[in-house]
Structures are given as structure tokens and as C-alpha cells.
Amino acid sequence: MLEKYLRSVVTRGSGKRADSEIVASAGKTATAQTGKTENGKEIYNSWFAGYFPQENPEYAAVILKEKGEGGSSDCAPVFRMIAETVCLLN
């Protein structure tokens, strides 16, 4: 059941930027408050954690960006590029 939810994050949810036509994946976005500010603006860390291929997973990756805006905008596209590159090289 959890796999279904993680797949829907990529296909319909906040992780859409991780979705690929080359390889199906599943994962979760996140953004965390650091409790710090810089120039009056709160600092966040963002990430995307996922695995691929979705049906028979062989790889997992976590992308973290310090001082990020959000996991969907900062990290999901990087995850997609990694997943696509790995699949194309294999």
C-alpha cells in the first residue's frame, strides 16, 4: 500500500518533477525548517527521497538541498535526472 502512495506522489502529487517517461519511480518530497534566518528570511532544507524502477526497485537516492525552497522544486528534478541517467547507462 505504501508503494502505491509513494508512486502517486510522483505521478499526481508534489513530486511530479521526479516523473519520467524513461523510468517509473516512487518517492516523497519534504521541506524542513532549520530554525535559522538569513537577512530576515527563514532558511529551509529541502529533499526528495525515492527509488526506481518502481516495480522492482534496484536503486534509491536522496537529494538534499541546504537553504532550499522546496523538495518538489529543488530536488525532484535532480532525482529524475539521476534515475534517467542510471537507466540509460544500464
PDB file of N, CA and C in Angstrom:
ATOM      1  N   MET A   1       0.810  -1.190   0.000  1.00  0.00           N
ATOM      2  CA  MET A   1       0.000   0.000   0.000  1.00  0.00           C
ATOM      3  C   MET A   1       0.862   1.267   0.000  1.00  0.00           C
ATOM      4  N   LEU A   2       1.930   1.251   0.800  1.00  0.00           N
ATOM      5  CA  LEU A   2       2.816   2.416   0.856  1.00  0.00           C
ATOM      6  C   LEU A   2       3.422   2.699  -0.522  1.00  0.00           C
ATOM      7  N   GLU A   3       3.774   1.643  -1.236  1.00  0.00           N
ATOM      8  CA  GLU A   3       4.353   1.808  -2.580  1.00  0.00           C
ATOM      9  C   GLU A   3       3.391   2.558  -3.491  1.00  0.00           C
ATOM     10  N   LYS A   4       2.114   2.261  -3.378  1.00  0.00           N
ATOM     11  CA  LYS A   4       1.094   2.927  -4.188  1.00  0.00           C
ATOM     12  C   LYS A   4       1.054   4.424  -3.879  1.00  0.00           C
ATOM     13  N   TYR A   5       1.127   4.767  -2.614  1.00  0.00           N
ATOM     14  CA  TYR A   5       1.117   6.181  -2.214  1.00  0.00           C
ATOM     15  C   TYR A   5       2.372   6.909  -2.692  1.00  0.00           C
ATOM     16  N   LEU A   6       3.516   6.263  -2.540  1.00  0.00           N
ATOM     17  CA  LEU A   6       4.765   6.886  -2.981  1.00  0.00           C
ATOM     18  C   LEU A   6       4.791   7.069  -4.495  1.00  0.00           C
ATOM     19  N   ARG A   7       4.200   6.146  -5.229  1.00  0.00           N
ATOM     20  CA  ARG A   7       4.106   6.298  -6.691  1.00  0.00           C
ATOM     21  C   ARG A   7       3.194   7.466  -7.040  1.00  0.00           C
ATOM     22  N   SER A   8       2.090   7.621  -6.301  1.00  0.00           N
ATOM     23  CA  SER A   8       1.153   8.706  -6.602  1.00  0.00           C
ATOM     24  C   SER A   8       1.749  10.073  -6.296  1.00  0.00           C
ATOM     25  N   VAL A   9       2.702  10.149  -5.381  1.00  0.00           N
ATOM     26  CA  VAL A   9       3.405  11.411  -5.133  1.00  0.00           C
ATOM     27  C   VAL A   9       4.102  11.873  -6.408  1.00  0.00           C
ATOM     28  N   VAL A  10       4.683  10.908  -7.137  1.00  0.00           N
ATOM     29  CA  VAL A  10       5.420  11.222  -8.356  1.00  0.00           C
ATOM     30  C   VAL A  10       4.475  11.462  -9.538  1.00  0.00           C
ATOM     31  N   THR A  11       3.398  10.732  -9.614  1.00  0.00           N
ATOM     32  CA  THR A  11       2.513  10.860 -10.777  1.00  0.00           C
ATOM     33  C   THR A  11       1.477  11.967 -10.635  1.00  0.00           C
ATOM     34  N   ARG A  12       1.051  12.246  -9.392  1.00  0.00           N
ATOM     35  CA  ARG A  12      -0.029  13.222  -9.206  1.00  0.00           C
ATOM     36  C   ARG A  12       0.217  14.252  -8.105  1.00  0.00           C
ATOM     37  N   GLY A  13       1.268  14.079  -7.354  1.00  0.00           N
ATOM     38  CA  GLY A  13       1.451  14.925  -6.184  1.00  0.00           C
ATOM     39  C   GLY A  13       2.609  15.886  -6.276  1.00  0.00           C
ATOM     40  N   SER A  14       3.168  16.176  -5.125  1.00  0.00           N
ATOM     41  CA  SER A  14       4.225  17.184  -5.029  1.00  0.00           C
ATOM     42  C   SER A  14       5.518  16.764  -5.720  1.00  0.00           C
ATOM     43  N   GLY A  15       5.670  15.487  -6.024  1.00  0.00           N
ATOM     44  CA  GLY A  15       6.891  15.009  -6.661  1.00  0.00           C
ATOM     45  C   GLY A  15       6.797  14.849  -8.168  1.00  0.00           C
ATOM     46  N   LYS A  16       5.845  15.521  -8.797  1.00  0.00           N
ATOM     47  CA  LYS A  16       5.661  15.378 -10.253  1.00  0.00           C
ATOM     48  C   LYS A  16       6.927  15.640 -11.043  1.00  0.00           C
ATOM     49  N   ARG A  17       7.777  16.502 -10.551  1.00  0.00           N
ATOM     50  CA  ARG A  17       9.009  16.827 -11.284  1.00  0.00           C
ATOM     51  C   ARG A  17      10.014  15.676 -11.260  1.00  0.00           C
ATOM     52  N   ALA A  18       9.731  14.635 -10.484  1.00  0.00           N
ATOM     53  CA  ALA A  18      10.569  13.430 -10.486  1.00  0.00           C
ATOM     54  C   ALA A  18      10.076  12.430 -11.527  1.00  0.00           C
ATOM     55  N   ASP A  19       8.882  12.639 -12.057  1.00  0.00           N
ATOM     56  CA  ASP A  19       8.283  11.705 -13.010  1.00  0.00           C
ATOM     57  C   ASP A  19       9.059  11.698 -14.316  1.00  0.00           C
ATOM     58  N   SER A  20       9.147  10.523 -14.909  1.00  0.00           N
ATOM     59  CA  SER A  20       9.929  10.352 -16.130  1.00  0.00           C
ATOM     60  C   SER A  20       9.214   9.430 -17.097  1.00  0.00           C
ATOM     61  N   GLU A  21       9.413   9.676 -18.371  1.00  0.00           N
ATOM     62  CA  GLU A  21       8.889   8.768 -19.390  1.00  0.00           C
ATOM     63  C   GLU A  21       9.841   7.589 -19.606  1.00  0.00           C
ATOM     64  N   ILE A  22      11.040   7.687 -19.059  1.00  0.00           N
ATOM     65  CA  ILE A  22      12.053   6.650 -19.244  1.00  0.00           C
ATOM     66  C   ILE A  22      11.971   5.567 -18.174  1.00  0.00           C
ATOM     67  N   VAL A  23      11.732   5.972 -16.932  1.00  0.00           N
ATOM     68  CA  VAL A  23      11.701   5.013 -15.824  1.00  0.00           C
ATOM     69  C   VAL A  23      10.647   5.448 -14.803  1.00  0.00           C
ATOM     70  N   ALA A  24       9.856   4.486 -14.343  1.00  0.00           N
ATOM     71  CA  ALA A  24       8.869   4.753 -13.295  1.00  0.00           C
ATOM     72  C   ALA A  24       9.576   4.761 -11.945  1.00  0.00           C
ATOM     73  N   SER A  25       9.206   5.719 -11.118  1.00  0.00           N
ATOM     74  CA  SER A  25       9.814   5.828  -9.798  1.00  0.00           C
ATOM     75  C   SER A  25       8.736   6.133  -8.773  1.00  0.00           C
ATOM     76  N   ALA A  26       9.151   6.136  -7.525  1.00  0.00           N
ATOM     77  CA  ALA A  26       8.262   6.474  -6.417  1.00  0.00           C
ATOM     78  C   ALA A  26       9.084   7.220  -5.382  1.00  0.00           C
ATOM     79  N   GLY A  27       8.449   8.110  -4.633  1.00  0.00           N
ATOM     80  CA  GLY A  27       9.209   8.847  -3.639  1.00  0.00           C
ATOM     81  C   GLY A  27       8.387   9.853  -2.884  1.00  0.00           C
ATOM     82  N   LYS A  28       9.084  10.710  -2.149  1.00  0.00           N
ATOM     83  CA  LYS A  28       8.430  11.680  -1.284  1.00  0.00           C
ATOM     84  C   LYS A  28       9.262  12.950  -1.217  1.00  0.00           C
ATOM     85  N   THR A  29       8.592  14.087  -1.322  1.00  0.00           N
ATOM     86  CA  THR A  29       9.246  15.381  -1.143  1.00  0.00           C
ATOM     87  C   THR A  29       9.161  15.800   0.319  1.00  0.00           C
ATOM     88  N   ALA A  30      10.042  16.711   0.703  1.00  0.00           N
ATOM     89  CA  ALA A  30       9.986  17.250   2.060  1.00  0.00           C
ATOM     90  C   ALA A  30      10.712  18.586   2.119  1.00  0.00           C
ATOM     91  N   THR A  31      10.269  19.410   3.023  1.00  0.00           N
ATOM     92  CA  THR A  31      10.919  20.693   3.312  1.00  0.00           C
ATOM     93  C   THR A  31      10.924  20.841   4.824  1.00  0.00           C
ATOM     94  N   ALA A  32      12.091  21.162   5.383  1.00  0.00           N
ATOM     95  CA  ALA A  32      12.220  21.256   6.831  1.00  0.00           C
ATOM     96  C   ALA A  32      12.712  22.629   7.251  1.00  0.00           C
ATOM     97  N   GLN A  33      12.121  23.148   8.289  1.00  0.00           N
ATOM     98  CA  GLN A  33      12.585  24.401   8.873  1.00  0.00           C
ATOM     99  C   GLN A  33      13.905  24.142   9.600  1.00  0.00           C
ATOM    100  N   THR A  34      14.819  25.075   9.499  1.00  0.00           N
ATOM    101  CA  THR A  34      16.094  24.924  10.201  1.00  0.00           C
ATOM    102  C   THR A  34      16.107  25.671  11.529  1.00  0.00           C
ATOM    103  N   GLY A  35      15.166  26.568  11.704  1.00  0.00           N
ATOM    104  CA  GLY A  35      15.159  27.395  12.907  1.00  0.00           C
ATOM    105  C   GLY A  35      16.098  28.590  12.797  1.00  0.00           C
ATOM    106  N   LYS A  36      16.662  28.792  11.616  1.00  0.00           N
ATOM    107  CA  LYS A  36      17.596  29.892  11.389  1.00  0.00           C
ATOM    108  C   LYS A  36      17.021  30.857  10.359  1.00  0.00           C
ATOM    109  N   THR A  37      17.507  32.081  10.406  1.00  0.00           N
ATOM    110  CA  THR A  37      17.120  33.077   9.406  1.00  0.00           C
ATOM    111  C   THR A  37      18.375  33.705   8.816  1.00  0.00           C
ATOM    112  N   GLU A  38      18.210  34.232   7.627  1.00  0.00           N
ATOM    113  CA  GLU A  38      19.297  34.925   6.941  1.00  0.00           C
ATOM    114  C   GLU A  38      18.688  36.123   6.233  1.00  0.00           C
ATOM    115  N   ASN A  39      19.163  37.312   6.573  1.00  0.00           N
ATOM    116  CA  ASN A  39      18.602  38.544   6.011  1.00  0.00           C
ATOM    117  C   ASN A  39      17.091  38.639   6.230  1.00  0.00           C
ATOM    118  N   GLY A  40      16.656  38.190   7.398  1.00  0.00           N
ATOM    119  CA  GLY A  40      15.244  38.260   7.748  1.00  0.00           C
ATOM    120  C   GLY A  40      14.373  37.185   7.124  1.00  0.00           C
ATOM    121  N   LYS A  41      14.965  36.254   6.379  1.00  0.00           N
ATOM    122  CA  LYS A  41      14.211  35.186   5.712  1.00  0.00           C
ATOM    123  C   LYS A  41      14.538  33.841   6.365  1.00  0.00           C
ATOM    124  N   GLU A  42      13.493  33.066   6.640  1.00  0.00           N
ATOM    125  CA  GLU A  42      13.707  31.757   7.247  1.00  0.00           C
ATOM    126  C   GLU A  42      14.424  30.820   6.269  1.00  0.00           C
ATOM    127  N   ILE A  43      15.349  30.030   6.800  1.00  0.00           N
ATOM    128  CA  ILE A  43      16.125  29.090   5.990  1.00  0.00           C
ATOM    129  C   ILE A  43      15.500  27.706   6.103  1.00  0.00           C
ATOM    130  N   TYR A  44      15.332  27.070   4.947  1.00  0.00           N
ATOM    131  CA  TYR A  44      14.775  25.719   4.877  1.00  0.00           C
ATOM    132  C   TYR A  44      15.789  24.778   4.243  1.00  0.00           C
ATOM    133  N   ASN A  45      15.672  23.504   4.567  1.00  0.00           N
ATOM    134  CA  ASN A  45      16.367  22.443   3.857  1.00  0.00           C
ATOM    135  C   ASN A  45      15.293  21.640   3.133  1.00  0.00           C
ATOM    136  N   SER A  46      15.558  21.283   1.900  1.00  0.00           N
ATOM    137  CA  SER A  46      14.562  20.535   1.136  1.00  0.00           C
ATOM    138  C   SER A  46      15.171  19.239   0.629  1.00  0.00           C
ATOM    139  N   TRP A  47      14.315  18.236   0.392  1.00  0.00           N
ATOM    140  CA  TRP A  47      14.824  16.986  -0.149  1.00  0.00           C
ATOM    141  C   TRP A  47      13.754  16.197  -0.873  1.00  0.00           C
ATOM    142  N   PHE A  48      14.240  15.235  -1.625  1.00  0.00           N
ATOM    143  CA  PHE A  48      13.390  14.234  -2.261  1.00  0.00           C
ATOM    144  C   PHE A  48      14.064  12.895  -2.040  1.00  0.00           C
ATOM    145  N   ALA A  49      13.320  11.931  -1.543  1.00  0.00           N
ATOM    146  CA  ALA A  49      13.816  10.567  -1.365  1.00  0.00           C
ATOM    147  C   ALA A  49      12.967   9.655  -2.230  1.00  0.00           C
ATOM    148  N   GLY A  50      13.619   8.809  -3.014  1.00  0.00           N
ATOM    149  CA  GLY A  50      12.857   7.932  -3.886  1.00  0.00           C
ATOM    150  C   GLY A  50      13.623   6.703  -4.308  1.00  0.00           C
ATOM    151  N   TYR A  51      12.923   5.849  -5.052  1.00  0.00           N
ATOM    152  CA  TYR A  51      13.533   4.633  -5.566  1.00  0.00           C
ATOM    153  C   TYR A  51      13.030   4.367  -6.980  1.00  0.00           C
ATOM    154  N   PHE A  52      13.794   3.551  -7.703  1.00  0.00           N
ATOM    155  CA  PHE A  52      13.443   3.196  -9.071  1.00  0.00           C
ATOM    156  C   PHE A  52      14.171   1.918  -9.460  1.00  0.00           C
ATOM    157  N   PRO A  53      13.685   1.197 -10.476  1.00  0.00           N
ATOM    158  CA  PRO A  53      12.352   1.288 -11.059  1.00  0.00           C
ATOM    159  C   PRO A  53      11.277   0.969 -10.017  1.00  0.00           C
ATOM    160  N   GLN A  54      10.132   1.512 -10.234  1.00  0.00           N
ATOM    161  CA  GLN A  54       9.071   1.419  -9.242  1.00  0.00           C
ATOM    162  C   GLN A  54       8.613  -0.030  -9.009  1.00  0.00           C
ATOM    163  N   GLU A  55       8.504  -0.821 -10.067  1.00  0.00           N
ATOM    164  CA  GLU A  55       8.005  -2.199  -9.944  1.00  0.00           C
ATOM    165  C   GLU A  55       8.981  -3.122  -9.212  1.00  0.00           C
ATOM    166  N   ASN A  56      10.216  -3.141  -9.610  1.00  0.00           N
ATOM    167  CA  ASN A  56      11.243  -3.976  -8.985  1.00  0.00           C
ATOM    168  C   ASN A  56      12.435  -3.093  -8.641  1.00  0.00           C
ATOM    169  N   PRO A  57      12.347  -2.375  -7.537  1.00  0.00           N
ATOM    170  CA  PRO A  57      13.376  -1.379  -7.212  1.00  0.00           C
ATOM    171  C   PRO A  57      14.785  -1.964  -7.125  1.00  0.00           C
ATOM    172  N   GLU A  58      15.707  -1.244  -7.739  1.00  0.00           N
ATOM    173  CA  GLU A  58      17.120  -1.594  -7.671  1.00  0.00           C
ATOM    174  C   GLU A  58      17.957  -0.473  -7.073  1.00  0.00           C
ATOM    175  N   TYR A  59      17.438   0.756  -7.130  1.00  0.00           N
ATOM    176  CA  TYR A  59      18.198   1.929  -6.701  1.00  0.00           C
ATOM    177  C   TYR A  59      17.345   2.816  -5.808  1.00  0.00           C
ATOM    178  N   ALA A  60      18.008   3.484  -4.905  1.00  0.00           N
ATOM    179  CA  ALA A  60      17.368   4.501  -4.066  1.00  0.00           C
ATOM    180  C   ALA A  60      18.297   5.701  -4.004  1.00  0.00           C
ATOM    181  N   ALA A  61      17.708   6.875  -3.918  1.00  0.00           N
ATOM    182  CA  ALA A  61      18.513   8.094  -3.827  1.00  0.00           C
ATOM    183  C   ALA A  61      17.787   9.124  -2.983  1.00  0.00           C
ATOM    184  N   VAL A  62      18.563   9.895  -2.271  1.00  0.00           N
ATOM    185  CA  VAL A  62      18.038  11.022  -1.510  1.00  0.00           C
ATOM    186  C   VAL A  62      18.816  12.254  -1.953  1.00  0.00           C
ATOM    187  N   ILE A  63      18.093  13.258  -2.379  1.00  0.00           N
ATOM    188  CA  ILE A  63      18.703  14.518  -2.795  1.00  0.00           C
ATOM    189  C   ILE A  63      18.333  15.549  -1.745  1.00  0.00           C
ATOM    190  N   LEU A  64      19.327  16.222  -1.187  1.00  0.00           N
ATOM    191  CA  LEU A  64      19.127  17.225  -0.145  1.00  0.00           C
ATOM    192  C   LEU A  64      19.712  18.546  -0.612  1.00  0.00           C
ATOM    193  N   LYS A  65      18.967  19.611  -0.415  1.00  0.00           N
ATOM    194  CA  LYS A  65      19.495  20.942  -0.708  1.00  0.00           C
ATOM    195  C   LYS A  65      19.367  21.800   0.547  1.00  0.00           C
ATOM    196  N   GLU A  66      20.518  22.235   1.044  1.00  0.00           N
ATOM    197  CA  GLU A  66      20.507  23.186   2.144  1.00  0.00           C
ATOM    198  C   GLU A  66      20.088  24.541   1.606  1.00  0.00           C
ATOM    199  N   LYS A  67      19.376  25.273   2.396  1.00  0.00           N
ATOM    200  CA  LYS A  67      18.851  26.584   2.006  1.00  0.00           C
ATOM    201  C   LYS A  67      17.999  26.459   0.739  1.00  0.00           C
ATOM    202  N   GLY A  68      17.155  25.447   0.727  1.00  0.00           N
ATOM    203  CA  GLY A  68      16.301  25.191  -0.425  1.00  0.00           C
ATOM    204  C   GLY A  68      14.961  25.894  -0.316  1.00  0.00           C
ATOM    205  N   GLU A  69      14.218  25.809  -1.384  1.00  0.00           N
ATOM    206  CA  GLU A  69      12.861  26.374  -1.443  1.00  0.00           C
ATOM    207  C   GLU A  69      11.820  25.301  -1.163  1.00  0.00           C
ATOM    208  N   GLY A  70      12.013  24.109  -1.728  1.00  0.00           N
ATOM    209  CA  GLY A  70      11.070  23.008  -1.544  1.00  0.00           C
ATOM    210  C   GLY A  70      11.582  21.762  -2.229  1.00  0.00           C
ATOM    211  N   GLY A  71      11.219  20.610  -1.699  1.00  0.00           N
ATOM    212  CA  GLY A  71      11.670  19.351  -2.264  1.00  0.00           C
ATOM    213  C   GLY A  71      11.210  19.137  -3.692  1.00  0.00           C
ATOM    214  N   SER A  72      10.008  19.624  -3.999  1.00  0.00           N
ATOM    215  CA  SER A  72       9.492  19.423  -5.362  1.00  0.00           C
ATOM    216  C   SER A  72      10.246  20.267  -6.380  1.00  0.00           C
ATOM    217  N   SER A  73      10.608  21.473  -6.030  1.00  0.00           N
ATOM    218  CA  SER A  73      11.282  22.351  -6.994  1.00  0.00           C
ATOM    219  C   SER A  73      12.791  22.162  -7.009  1.00  0.00           C
ATOM    220  N   ASP A  74      13.396  21.931  -5.871  1.00  0.00           N
ATOM    221  CA  ASP A  74      14.855  21.831  -5.782  1.00  0.00           C
ATOM    222  C   ASP A  74      15.396  20.433  -6.073  1.00  0.00           C
ATOM    223  N   CYS A  75      14.723  19.418  -5.573  1.00  0.00           N
ATOM    224  CA  CYS A  75      15.327  18.086  -5.527  1.00  0.00           C
ATOM    225  C   CYS A  75      14.698  17.048  -6.445  1.00  0.00           C
ATOM    226  N   ALA A  76      13.402  17.112  -6.665  1.00  0.00           N
ATOM    227  CA  ALA A  76      12.737  16.119  -7.524  1.00  0.00           C
ATOM    228  C   ALA A  76      13.318  16.110  -8.939  1.00  0.00           C
ATOM    229  N   PRO A  77      13.602  17.271  -9.559  1.00  0.00           N
ATOM    230  CA  PRO A  77      14.195  17.234 -10.899  1.00  0.00           C
ATOM    231  C   PRO A  77      15.585  16.585 -10.929  1.00  0.00           C
ATOM    232  N   VAL A  78      16.345  16.764  -9.875  1.00  0.00           N
ATOM    233  CA  VAL A  78      17.678  16.148  -9.789  1.00  0.00           C
ATOM    234  C   VAL A  78      17.531  14.632  -9.684  1.00  0.00           C
ATOM    235  N   PHE A  79      16.571  14.193  -8.868  1.00  0.00           N
ATOM    236  CA  PHE A  79      16.302  12.756  -8.759  1.00  0.00           C
ATOM    237  C   PHE A  79      15.942  12.181 -10.128  1.00  0.00           C
ATOM    238  N   ARG A  80      15.067  12.859 -10.867  1.00  0.00           N
ATOM    239  CA  ARG A  80      14.664  12.390 -12.200  1.00  0.00           C
ATOM    240  C   ARG A  80      15.887  12.248 -13.106  1.00  0.00           C
ATOM    241  N   MET A  81      16.767  13.231 -13.096  1.00  0.00           N
ATOM    242  CA  MET A  81      17.960  13.182 -13.949  1.00  0.00           C
ATOM    243  C   MET A  81      18.854  12.002 -13.562  1.00  0.00           C
ATOM    244  N   ILE A  82      18.995  11.750 -12.282  1.00  0.00           N
ATOM    245  CA  ILE A  82      19.808  10.626 -11.834  1.00  0.00           C
ATOM    246  C   ILE A  82      19.169   9.308 -12.267  1.00  0.00           C
ATOM    247  N   ALA A  83      17.870   9.159 -12.040  1.00  0.00           N
ATOM    248  CA  ALA A  83      17.171   7.911 -12.387  1.00  0.00           C
ATOM    249  C   ALA A  83      17.250   7.655 -13.890  1.00  0.00           C
ATOM    250  N   GLU A  84      17.024   8.685 -14.689  1.00  0.00           N
ATOM    251  CA  GLU A  84      17.083   8.525 -16.144  1.00  0.00           C
ATOM    252  C   GLU A  84      18.492   8.169 -16.609  1.00  0.00           C
ATOM    253  N   THR A  85      19.482   8.820 -16.054  1.00  0.00           N
ATOM    254  CA  THR A  85      20.872   8.550 -16.440  1.00  0.00           C
ATOM    255  C   THR A  85      21.267   7.114 -16.088  1.00  0.00           C
ATOM    256  N   VAL A  86      20.940   6.686 -14.897  1.00  0.00           N
ATOM    257  CA  VAL A  86      21.265   5.319 -14.485  1.00  0.00           C
ATOM    258  C   VAL A  86      20.579   4.314 -15.407  1.00  0.00           C
ATOM    259  N   CYS A  87      19.316   4.532 -15.705  1.00  0.00           N
ATOM    260  CA  CYS A  87      18.587   3.590 -16.572  1.00  0.00           C
ATOM    261  C   CYS A  87      19.128   3.592 -17.994  1.00  0.00           C
ATOM    262  N   LEU A  88      19.501   4.740 -18.506  1.00  0.00           N
ATOM    263  CA  LEU A  88      20.041   4.802 -19.863  1.00  0.00           C
ATOM    264  C   LEU A  88      21.439   4.179 -19.972  1.00  0.00           C
ATOM    265  N   LEU A  89      22.191   4.218 -18.876  1.00  0.00           N
ATOM    266  CA  LEU A  89      23.537   3.646 -18.879  1.00  0.00           C
ATOM    267  C   LEU A  89      23.542   2.138 -18.679  1.00  0.00           C
ATOM    268  N   ASN A  90      22.443   1.610 -18.200  1.00  0.00           N
ATOM    269  CA  ASN A  90      22.373   0.145 -17.944  1.00  0.00           C
ATOM    270  C   ASN A  90      21.768  -0.579 -19.108  1.00  0.00           C
TER     271      ASN A  90
END
